[in-house]
Amino acid sequence: MGIILMTLNHLMLFSDLSMRFKIMLIVVSFSACLLDILSSWLVRFVSADFAYLKLSSMVFEQISLVALIFIIIKSVFMSDGKPAIYEK
């Protein structure tokens, strides 16, 4: 999942969003991924109560993935509100 996030975040950096929003999305997506991986180990070796952390981090991870994919697709096909591919 880390490689997918790194690739999507790298592609998202080329979008027209503000730098503050880009940094926020990168931090949230990688933090959610790290917590998702870490919480599996916490559930196994510490306590089953960390299952709630696992569920919430997985949800945040999936939401950030959908947001990244949406931003990338919009950036590829739309440029300044006009379609990037013009009909001749």
PDB file of N, CA and C in Angstrom:
ATOM      1  N   MET A   1       0.825  -1.194   0.000  1.00  0.00           N
ATOM      2  CA  MET A   1       0.000   0.000   0.000  1.00  0.00           C
ATOM      3  C   MET A   1       0.870   1.258   0.000  1.00  0.00           C
ATOM      4  N   GLY A   2       2.045   1.162   0.608  1.00  0.00           N
ATOM      5  CA  GLY A   2       2.926   2.318   0.672  1.00  0.00           C
ATOM      6  C   GLY A   2       3.389   2.780  -0.704  1.00  0.00           C
ATOM      7  N   ILE A   3       3.679   1.826  -1.589  1.00  0.00           N
ATOM      8  CA  ILE A   3       4.124   2.182  -2.940  1.00  0.00           C
ATOM      9  C   ILE A   3       2.995   2.859  -3.712  1.00  0.00           C
ATOM     10  N   ILE A   4       1.787   2.358  -3.540  1.00  0.00           N
ATOM     11  CA  ILE A   4       0.630   2.963  -4.211  1.00  0.00           C
ATOM     12  C   ILE A   4       0.421   4.387  -3.714  1.00  0.00           C
ATOM     13  N   LEU A   5       0.503   4.575  -2.391  1.00  0.00           N
ATOM     14  CA  LEU A   5       0.339   5.925  -1.832  1.00  0.00           C
ATOM     15  C   LEU A   5       1.441   6.861  -2.299  1.00  0.00           C
ATOM     16  N   MET A   6       2.676   6.359  -2.338  1.00  0.00           N
ATOM     17  CA  MET A   6       3.775   7.208  -2.785  1.00  0.00           C
ATOM     18  C   MET A   6       3.576   7.634  -4.243  1.00  0.00           C
ATOM     19  N   THR A   7       3.135   6.712  -5.082  1.00  0.00           N
ATOM     20  CA  THR A   7       2.898   7.037  -6.490  1.00  0.00           C
ATOM     21  C   THR A   7       1.750   8.028  -6.653  1.00  0.00           C
ATOM     22  N   LEU A   8       0.637   7.777  -5.955  1.00  0.00           N
ATOM     23  CA  LEU A   8      -0.514   8.674  -6.067  1.00  0.00           C
ATOM     24  C   LEU A   8      -0.194  10.069  -5.509  1.00  0.00           C
ATOM     25  N   ASN A   9       0.528  10.123  -4.385  1.00  0.00           N
ATOM     26  CA  ASN A   9       0.898  11.423  -3.829  1.00  0.00           C
ATOM     27  C   ASN A   9       1.857  12.168  -4.748  1.00  0.00           C
ATOM     28  N   HIS A  10       2.760  11.443  -5.378  1.00  0.00           N
ATOM     29  CA  HIS A  10       3.675  12.077  -6.325  1.00  0.00           C
ATOM     30  C   HIS A  10       2.913  12.670  -7.512  1.00  0.00           C
ATOM     31  N   LEU A  11       1.958  11.924  -8.037  1.00  0.00           N
ATOM     32  CA  LEU A  11       1.155  12.440  -9.151  1.00  0.00           C
ATOM     33  C   LEU A  11       0.276  13.606  -8.720  1.00  0.00           C
ATOM     34  N   MET A  12      -0.213  13.562  -7.483  1.00  0.00           N
ATOM     35  CA  MET A  12      -1.065  14.635  -6.977  1.00  0.00           C
ATOM     36  C   MET A  12      -0.292  15.943  -6.836  1.00  0.00           C
ATOM     37  N   LEU A  13       1.019  15.866  -6.629  1.00  0.00           N
ATOM     38  CA  LEU A  13       1.824  17.081  -6.486  1.00  0.00           C
ATOM     39  C   LEU A  13       1.819  17.938  -7.750  1.00  0.00           C
ATOM     40  N   PHE A  14       1.517  17.346  -8.892  1.00  0.00           N
ATOM     41  CA  PHE A  14       1.468  18.090 -10.151  1.00  0.00           C
ATOM     42  C   PHE A  14       0.127  18.772 -10.394  1.00  0.00           C
ATOM     43  N   SER A  15      -0.815  18.624  -9.476  1.00  0.00           N
ATOM     44  CA  SER A  15      -2.130  19.243  -9.653  1.00  0.00           C
ATOM     45  C   SER A  15      -2.073  20.728  -9.313  1.00  0.00           C
ATOM     46  N   ASP A  16      -3.183  21.419  -9.559  1.00  0.00           N
ATOM     47  CA  ASP A  16      -3.256  22.868  -9.348  1.00  0.00           C
ATOM     48  C   ASP A  16      -3.764  23.237  -7.960  1.00  0.00           C
ATOM     49  N   LEU A  17      -3.696  22.343  -7.008  1.00  0.00           N
ATOM     50  CA  LEU A  17      -4.165  22.634  -5.660  1.00  0.00           C
ATOM     51  C   LEU A  17      -3.138  23.478  -4.910  1.00  0.00           C
ATOM     52  N   SER A  18      -3.578  24.044  -3.785  1.00  0.00           N
ATOM     53  CA  SER A  18      -2.642  24.824  -2.978  1.00  0.00           C
ATOM     54  C   SER A  18      -1.646  23.882  -2.299  1.00  0.00           C
ATOM     55  N   MET A  19      -0.462  24.405  -2.042  1.00  0.00           N
ATOM     56  CA  MET A  19       0.583  23.588  -1.445  1.00  0.00           C
ATOM     57  C   MET A  19       0.189  23.123  -0.039  1.00  0.00           C
ATOM     58  N   ARG A  20      -0.528  23.950   0.684  1.00  0.00           N
ATOM     59  CA  ARG A  20      -0.975  23.589   2.035  1.00  0.00           C
ATOM     60  C   ARG A  20      -1.899  22.367   1.995  1.00  0.00           C
ATOM     61  N   PHE A  21      -2.841  22.361   1.043  1.00  0.00           N
ATOM     62  CA  PHE A  21      -3.750  21.220   0.916  1.00  0.00           C
ATOM     63  C   PHE A  21      -2.998  19.971   0.482  1.00  0.00           C
ATOM     64  N   LYS A  22      -2.027  20.115  -0.420  1.00  0.00           N
ATOM     65  CA  LYS A  22      -1.245  18.966  -0.867  1.00  0.00           C
ATOM     66  C   LYS A  22      -0.483  18.337   0.292  1.00  0.00           C
ATOM     67  N   ILE A  23       0.161  19.171   1.093  1.00  0.00           N
ATOM     68  CA  ILE A  23       0.926  18.657   2.231  1.00  0.00           C
ATOM     69  C   ILE A  23       0.006  17.983   3.240  1.00  0.00           C
ATOM     70  N   MET A  24      -1.156  18.599   3.481  1.00  0.00           N
ATOM     71  CA  MET A  24      -2.108  18.019   4.418  1.00  0.00           C
ATOM     72  C   MET A  24      -2.571  16.637   3.937  1.00  0.00           C
ATOM     73  N   LEU A  25      -2.885  16.514   2.657  1.00  0.00           N
ATOM     74  CA  LEU A  25      -3.348  15.238   2.114  1.00  0.00           C
ATOM     75  C   LEU A  25      -2.249  14.178   2.156  1.00  0.00           C
ATOM     76  N   ILE A  26      -1.022  14.573   1.900  1.00  0.00           N
ATOM     77  CA  ILE A  26       0.101  13.630   1.968  1.00  0.00           C
ATOM     78  C   ILE A  26       0.297  13.131   3.396  1.00  0.00           C
ATOM     79  N   VAL A  27       0.267  14.039   4.358  1.00  0.00           N
ATOM     80  CA  VAL A  27       0.455  13.652   5.760  1.00  0.00           C
ATOM     81  C   VAL A  27      -0.685  12.757   6.232  1.00  0.00           C
ATOM     82  N   VAL A  28      -1.916  13.106   5.890  1.00  0.00           N
ATOM     83  CA  VAL A  28      -3.062  12.294   6.315  1.00  0.00           C
ATOM     84  C   VAL A  28      -3.008  10.900   5.684  1.00  0.00           C
ATOM     85  N   SER A  29      -2.698  10.822   4.405  1.00  0.00           N
ATOM     86  CA  SER A  29      -2.706   9.520   3.738  1.00  0.00           C
ATOM     87  C   SER A  29      -1.600   8.611   4.276  1.00  0.00           C
ATOM     88  N   PHE A  30      -0.388   9.144   4.452  1.00  0.00           N
ATOM     89  CA  PHE A  30       0.687   8.311   4.969  1.00  0.00           C
ATOM     90  C   PHE A  30       0.483   7.967   6.446  1.00  0.00           C
ATOM     91  N   SER A  31      -0.070   8.888   7.228  1.00  0.00           N
ATOM     92  CA  SER A  31      -0.353   8.594   8.634  1.00  0.00           C
ATOM     93  C   SER A  31      -1.405   7.501   8.762  1.00  0.00           C
ATOM     94  N   ALA A  32      -2.431   7.573   7.943  1.00  0.00           N
ATOM     95  CA  ALA A  32      -3.474   6.546   7.971  1.00  0.00           C
ATOM     96  C   ALA A  32      -2.911   5.190   7.562  1.00  0.00           C
ATOM     97  N   CYS A  33      -2.039   5.179   6.576  1.00  0.00           N
ATOM     98  CA  CYS A  33      -1.420   3.923   6.143  1.00  0.00           C
ATOM     99  C   CYS A  33      -0.533   3.350   7.247  1.00  0.00           C
ATOM    100  N   LEU A  34       0.254   4.203   7.877  1.00  0.00           N
ATOM    101  CA  LEU A  34       1.120   3.754   8.961  1.00  0.00           C
ATOM    102  C   LEU A  34       0.302   3.223  10.140  1.00  0.00           C
ATOM    103  N   LEU A  35      -0.753   3.932  10.495  1.00  0.00           N
ATOM    104  CA  LEU A  35      -1.609   3.472  11.589  1.00  0.00           C
ATOM    105  C   LEU A  35      -2.328   2.172  11.236  1.00  0.00           C
ATOM    106  N   ASP A  36      -2.698   2.010   9.979  1.00  0.00           N
ATOM    107  CA  ASP A  36      -3.354   0.781   9.545  1.00  0.00           C
ATOM    108  C   ASP A  36      -2.426  -0.414   9.722  1.00  0.00           C
ATOM    109  N   ILE A  37      -1.174  -0.250   9.343  1.00  0.00           N
ATOM    110  CA  ILE A  37      -0.203  -1.338   9.481  1.00  0.00           C
ATOM    111  C   ILE A  37       0.145  -1.568  10.948  1.00  0.00           C
ATOM    112  N   LEU A  38       0.387  -0.485  11.674  1.00  0.00           N
ATOM    113  CA  LEU A  38       0.775  -0.590  13.073  1.00  0.00           C
ATOM    114  C   LEU A  38      -0.343  -1.157  13.945  1.00  0.00           C
ATOM    115  N   SER A  39      -1.569  -0.792  13.658  1.00  0.00           N
ATOM    116  CA  SER A  39      -2.678  -1.261  14.495  1.00  0.00           C
ATOM    117  C   SER A  39      -2.904  -2.765  14.370  1.00  0.00           C
ATOM    118  N   SER A  40      -2.537  -3.355  13.246  1.00  0.00           N
ATOM    119  CA  SER A  40      -2.628  -4.819  13.127  1.00  0.00           C
ATOM    120  C   SER A  40      -1.719  -5.500  14.144  1.00  0.00           C
ATOM    121  N   TRP A  41      -0.524  -4.967  14.286  1.00  0.00           N
ATOM    122  CA  TRP A  41       0.417  -5.518  15.265  1.00  0.00           C
ATOM    123  C   TRP A  41      -0.045  -5.229  16.693  1.00  0.00           C
ATOM    124  N   LEU A  42      -0.642  -4.066  16.895  1.00  0.00           N
ATOM    125  CA  LEU A  42      -1.138  -3.733  18.229  1.00  0.00           C
ATOM    126  C   LEU A  42      -2.302  -4.640  18.640  1.00  0.00           C
ATOM    127  N   VAL A  43      -3.176  -4.952  17.706  1.00  0.00           N
ATOM    128  CA  VAL A  43      -4.290  -5.860  18.001  1.00  0.00           C
ATOM    129  C   VAL A  43      -3.750  -7.240  18.347  1.00  0.00           C
ATOM    130  N   ARG A  44      -2.750  -7.676  17.623  1.00  0.00           N
ATOM    131  CA  ARG A  44      -2.217  -9.027  17.822  1.00  0.00           C
ATOM    132  C   ARG A  44      -1.440  -9.164  19.130  1.00  0.00           C
ATOM    133  N   PHE A  45      -0.575  -8.184  19.426  1.00  0.00           N
ATOM    134  CA  PHE A  45       0.353  -8.366  20.536  1.00  0.00           C
ATOM    135  C   PHE A  45       0.035  -7.550  21.787  1.00  0.00           C
ATOM    136  N   VAL A  46      -0.839  -6.544  21.691  1.00  0.00           N
ATOM    137  CA  VAL A  46      -1.113  -5.710  22.857  1.00  0.00           C
ATOM    138  C   VAL A  46      -2.525  -5.953  23.375  1.00  0.00           C
ATOM    139  N   SER A  47      -3.512  -5.550  22.604  1.00  0.00           N
ATOM    140  CA  SER A  47      -4.895  -5.686  23.065  1.00  0.00           C
ATOM    141  C   SER A  47      -5.845  -5.681  21.874  1.00  0.00           C
ATOM    142  N   ALA A  48      -6.938  -6.367  22.012  1.00  0.00           N
ATOM    143  CA  ALA A  48      -7.957  -6.400  20.959  1.00  0.00           C
ATOM    144  C   ALA A  48      -8.704  -5.075  20.863  1.00  0.00           C
ATOM    145  N   ASP A  49      -8.541  -4.218  21.864  1.00  0.00           N
ATOM    146  CA  ASP A  49      -9.199  -2.911  21.832  1.00  0.00           C
ATOM    147  C   ASP A  49      -8.653  -2.009  20.722  1.00  0.00           C
ATOM    148  N   PHE A  50      -7.472  -2.332  20.189  1.00  0.00           N
ATOM    149  CA  PHE A  50      -6.915  -1.545  19.093  1.00  0.00           C
ATOM    150  C   PHE A  50      -7.621  -1.825  17.759  1.00  0.00           C
ATOM    151  N   ALA A  51      -8.613  -2.710  17.771  1.00  0.00           N
ATOM    152  CA  ALA A  51      -9.371  -2.988  16.548  1.00  0.00           C
ATOM    153  C   ALA A  51     -10.118  -1.746  16.076  1.00  0.00           C
ATOM    154  N   TYR A  52     -10.538  -0.909  17.013  1.00  0.00           N
ATOM    155  CA  TYR A  52     -11.207   0.337  16.619  1.00  0.00           C
ATOM    156  C   TYR A  52     -10.238   1.280  15.903  1.00  0.00           C
ATOM    157  N   LEU A  53      -8.996   1.316  16.346  1.00  0.00           N
ATOM    158  CA  LEU A  53      -7.971   2.096  15.651  1.00  0.00           C
ATOM    159  C   LEU A  53      -7.741   1.533  14.256  1.00  0.00           C
ATOM    160  N   LYS A  54      -7.741   0.212  14.152  1.00  0.00           N
ATOM    161  CA  LYS A  54      -7.571  -0.439  12.846  1.00  0.00           C
ATOM    162  C   LYS A  54      -8.694  -0.052  11.887  1.00  0.00           C
ATOM    163  N   LEU A  55      -9.916  -0.095  12.363  1.00  0.00           N
ATOM    164  CA  LEU A  55     -11.064   0.249  11.509  1.00  0.00           C
ATOM    165  C   LEU A  55     -11.039   1.718  11.098  1.00  0.00           C
ATOM    166  N   SER A  56     -10.788   2.596  12.057  1.00  0.00           N
ATOM    167  CA  SER A  56     -10.802   4.026  11.725  1.00  0.00           C
ATOM    168  C   SER A  56      -9.643   4.400  10.807  1.00  0.00           C
ATOM    169  N   SER A  57      -8.465   3.838  11.014  1.00  0.00           N
ATOM    170  CA  SER A  57      -7.342   4.158  10.138  1.00  0.00           C
ATOM    171  C   SER A  57      -7.564   3.596   8.741  1.00  0.00           C
ATOM    172  N   MET A  58      -8.211   2.444   8.646  1.00  0.00           N
ATOM    173  CA  MET A  58      -8.512   1.884   7.334  1.00  0.00           C
ATOM    174  C   MET A  58      -9.515   2.770   6.580  1.00  0.00           C
ATOM    175  N   VAL A  59     -10.496   3.282   7.289  1.00  0.00           N
ATOM    176  CA  VAL A  59     -11.478   4.170   6.657  1.00  0.00           C
ATOM    177  C   VAL A  59     -10.802   5.451   6.167  1.00  0.00           C
ATOM    178  N   PHE A  60      -9.964   6.055   7.006  1.00  0.00           N
ATOM    179  CA  PHE A  60      -9.252   7.268   6.590  1.00  0.00           C
ATOM    180  C   PHE A  60      -8.313   6.992   5.419  1.00  0.00           C
ATOM    181  N   GLU A  61      -7.697   5.827   5.418  1.00  0.00           N
ATOM    182  CA  GLU A  61      -6.814   5.462   4.316  1.00  0.00           C
ATOM    183  C   GLU A  61      -7.591   5.340   3.003  1.00  0.00           C
ATOM    184  N   GLN A  62      -8.741   4.699   3.049  1.00  0.00           N
ATOM    185  CA  GLN A  62      -9.541   4.531   1.838  1.00  0.00           C
ATOM    186  C   GLN A  62     -10.105   5.866   1.346  1.00  0.00           C
ATOM    187  N   ILE A  63     -10.506   6.719   2.272  1.00  0.00           N
ATOM    188  CA  ILE A  63     -11.004   8.051   1.884  1.00  0.00           C
ATOM    189  C   ILE A  63      -9.888   8.854   1.228  1.00  0.00           C
ATOM    190  N   SER A  64      -8.683   8.791   1.771  1.00  0.00           N
ATOM    191  CA  SER A  64      -7.578   9.531   1.171  1.00  0.00           C
ATOM    192  C   SER A  64      -7.208   8.959  -0.193  1.00  0.00           C
ATOM    193  N   LEU A  65      -7.304   7.640  -0.368  1.00  0.00           N
ATOM    194  CA  LEU A  65      -7.043   7.042  -1.677  1.00  0.00           C
ATOM    195  C   LEU A  65      -8.059   7.505  -2.715  1.00  0.00           C
ATOM    196  N   VAL A  66      -9.317   7.527  -2.340  1.00  0.00           N
ATOM    197  CA  VAL A  66     -10.357   7.999  -3.265  1.00  0.00           C
ATOM    198  C   VAL A  66     -10.131   9.471  -3.607  1.00  0.00           C
ATOM    199  N   ALA A  67      -9.783  10.279  -2.613  1.00  0.00           N
ATOM    200  CA  ALA A  67      -9.516  11.699  -2.866  1.00  0.00           C
ATOM    201  C   ALA A  67      -8.325  11.873  -3.801  1.00  0.00           C
ATOM    202  N   LEU A  68      -7.261  11.111  -3.580  1.00  0.00           N
ATOM    203  CA  LEU A  68      -6.089  11.207  -4.447  1.00  0.00           C
ATOM    204  C   LEU A  68      -6.423  10.811  -5.878  1.00  0.00           C
ATOM    205  N   ILE A  69      -7.149   9.722  -6.043  1.00  0.00           N
ATOM    206  CA  ILE A  69      -7.508   9.267  -7.386  1.00  0.00           C
ATOM    207  C   ILE A  69      -8.402  10.292  -8.075  1.00  0.00           C
ATOM    208  N   PHE A  70      -9.353  10.853  -7.338  1.00  0.00           N
ATOM    209  CA  PHE A  70     -10.236  11.871  -7.916  1.00  0.00           C
ATOM    210  C   PHE A  70      -9.449  13.099  -8.348  1.00  0.00           C
ATOM    211  N   ILE A  71      -8.539  13.564  -7.508  1.00  0.00           N
ATOM    212  CA  ILE A  71      -7.728  14.750  -7.836  1.00  0.00           C
ATOM    213  C   ILE A  71      -6.860  14.496  -9.054  1.00  0.00           C
ATOM    214  N   ILE A  72      -6.270  13.320  -9.138  1.00  0.00           N
ATOM    215  CA  ILE A  72      -5.403  12.997 -10.272  1.00  0.00           C
ATOM    216  C   ILE A  72      -6.213  12.914 -11.558  1.00  0.00           C
ATOM    217  N   ILE A  73      -7.343  12.243 -11.519  1.00  0.00           N
ATOM    218  CA  ILE A  73      -8.175  12.131 -12.726  1.00  0.00           C
ATOM    219  C   ILE A  73      -8.670  13.497 -13.171  1.00  0.00           C
ATOM    220  N   LYS A  74      -9.089  14.323 -12.213  1.00  0.00           N
ATOM    221  CA  LYS A  74      -9.551  15.664 -12.567  1.00  0.00           C
ATOM    222  C   LYS A  74      -8.417  16.497 -13.146  1.00  0.00           C
ATOM    223  N   SER A  75      -7.221  16.364 -12.610  1.00  0.00           N
ATOM    224  CA  SER A  75      -6.082  17.123 -13.119  1.00  0.00           C
ATOM    225  C   SER A  75      -5.676  16.681 -14.515  1.00  0.00           C
ATOM    226  N   VAL A  76      -5.838  15.398 -14.800  1.00  0.00           N
ATOM    227  CA  VAL A  76      -5.459  14.892 -16.117  1.00  0.00           C
ATOM    228  C   VAL A  76      -6.440  15.364 -17.182  1.00  0.00           C
ATOM    229  N   PHE A  77      -7.725  15.327 -16.888  1.00  0.00           N
ATOM    230  CA  PHE A  77      -8.728  15.611 -17.907  1.00  0.00           C
ATOM    231  C   PHE A  77      -9.239  17.041 -17.902  1.00  0.00           C
ATOM    232  N   MET A  78      -8.951  17.806 -16.868  1.00  0.00           N
ATOM    233  CA  MET A  78      -9.410  19.194 -16.810  1.00  0.00           C
ATOM    234  C   MET A  78      -8.222  20.104 -16.535  1.00  0.00           C
ATOM    235  N   SER A  79      -8.149  21.173 -17.275  1.00  0.00           N
ATOM    236  CA  SER A  79      -7.088  22.142 -17.059  1.00  0.00           C
ATOM    237  C   SER A  79      -7.703  23.532 -17.138  1.00  0.00           C
ATOM    238  N   ASP A  80      -7.694  24.248 -16.045  1.00  0.00           N
ATOM    239  CA  ASP A  80      -8.290  25.583 -15.943  1.00  0.00           C
ATOM    240  C   ASP A  80      -9.772  25.583 -16.311  1.00  0.00           C
ATOM    241  N   GLY A  81     -10.473  24.525 -15.967  1.00  0.00           N
ATOM    242  CA  GLY A  81     -11.900  24.445 -16.227  1.00  0.00           C
ATOM    243  C   GLY A  81     -12.239  24.052 -17.653  1.00  0.00           C
ATOM    244  N   LYS A  82     -11.232  23.859 -18.503  1.00  0.00           N
ATOM    245  CA  LYS A  82     -11.470  23.465 -19.888  1.00  0.00           C
ATOM    246  C   LYS A  82     -10.964  22.035 -20.067  1.00  0.00           C
ATOM    247  N   PRO A  83     -11.591  21.283 -20.922  1.00  0.00           N
ATOM    248  CA  PRO A  83     -11.088  19.926 -21.161  1.00  0.00           C
ATOM    249  C   PRO A  83      -9.662  19.979 -21.708  1.00  0.00           C
ATOM    250  N   ALA A  84      -8.815  19.062 -21.239  1.00  0.00           N
ATOM    251  CA  ALA A  84      -7.434  19.025 -21.686  1.00  0.00           C
ATOM    252  C   ALA A  84      -7.318  18.462 -23.094  1.00  0.00           C
ATOM    253  N   ILE A  85      -8.312  17.671 -23.501  1.00  0.00           N
ATOM    254  CA  ILE A  85      -8.307  17.100 -24.850  1.00  0.00           C
ATOM    255  C   ILE A  85      -9.323  17.870 -25.680  1.00  0.00           C
ATOM    256  N   TYR A  86      -8.841  18.539 -26.685  1.00  0.00           N
ATOM    257  CA  TYR A  86      -9.709  19.356 -27.535  1.00  0.00           C
ATOM    258  C   TYR A  86     -10.104  18.567 -28.774  1.00  0.00           C
ATOM    259  N   GLU A  87     -11.349  18.749 -29.188  1.00  0.00           N
ATOM    260  CA  GLU A  87     -11.816  18.128 -30.413  1.00  0.00           C
ATOM    261  C   GLU A  87     -11.457  19.024 -31.589  1.00  0.00           C
ATOM    262  N   LYS A  88     -11.043  18.415 -32.690  1.00  0.00           N
ATOM    263  CA  LYS A  88     -10.707  19.195 -33.880  1.00  0.00           C
ATOM    264  C   LYS A  88     -11.708  18.972 -34.966  1.00  0.00           C
TER     265      LYS A  88
END
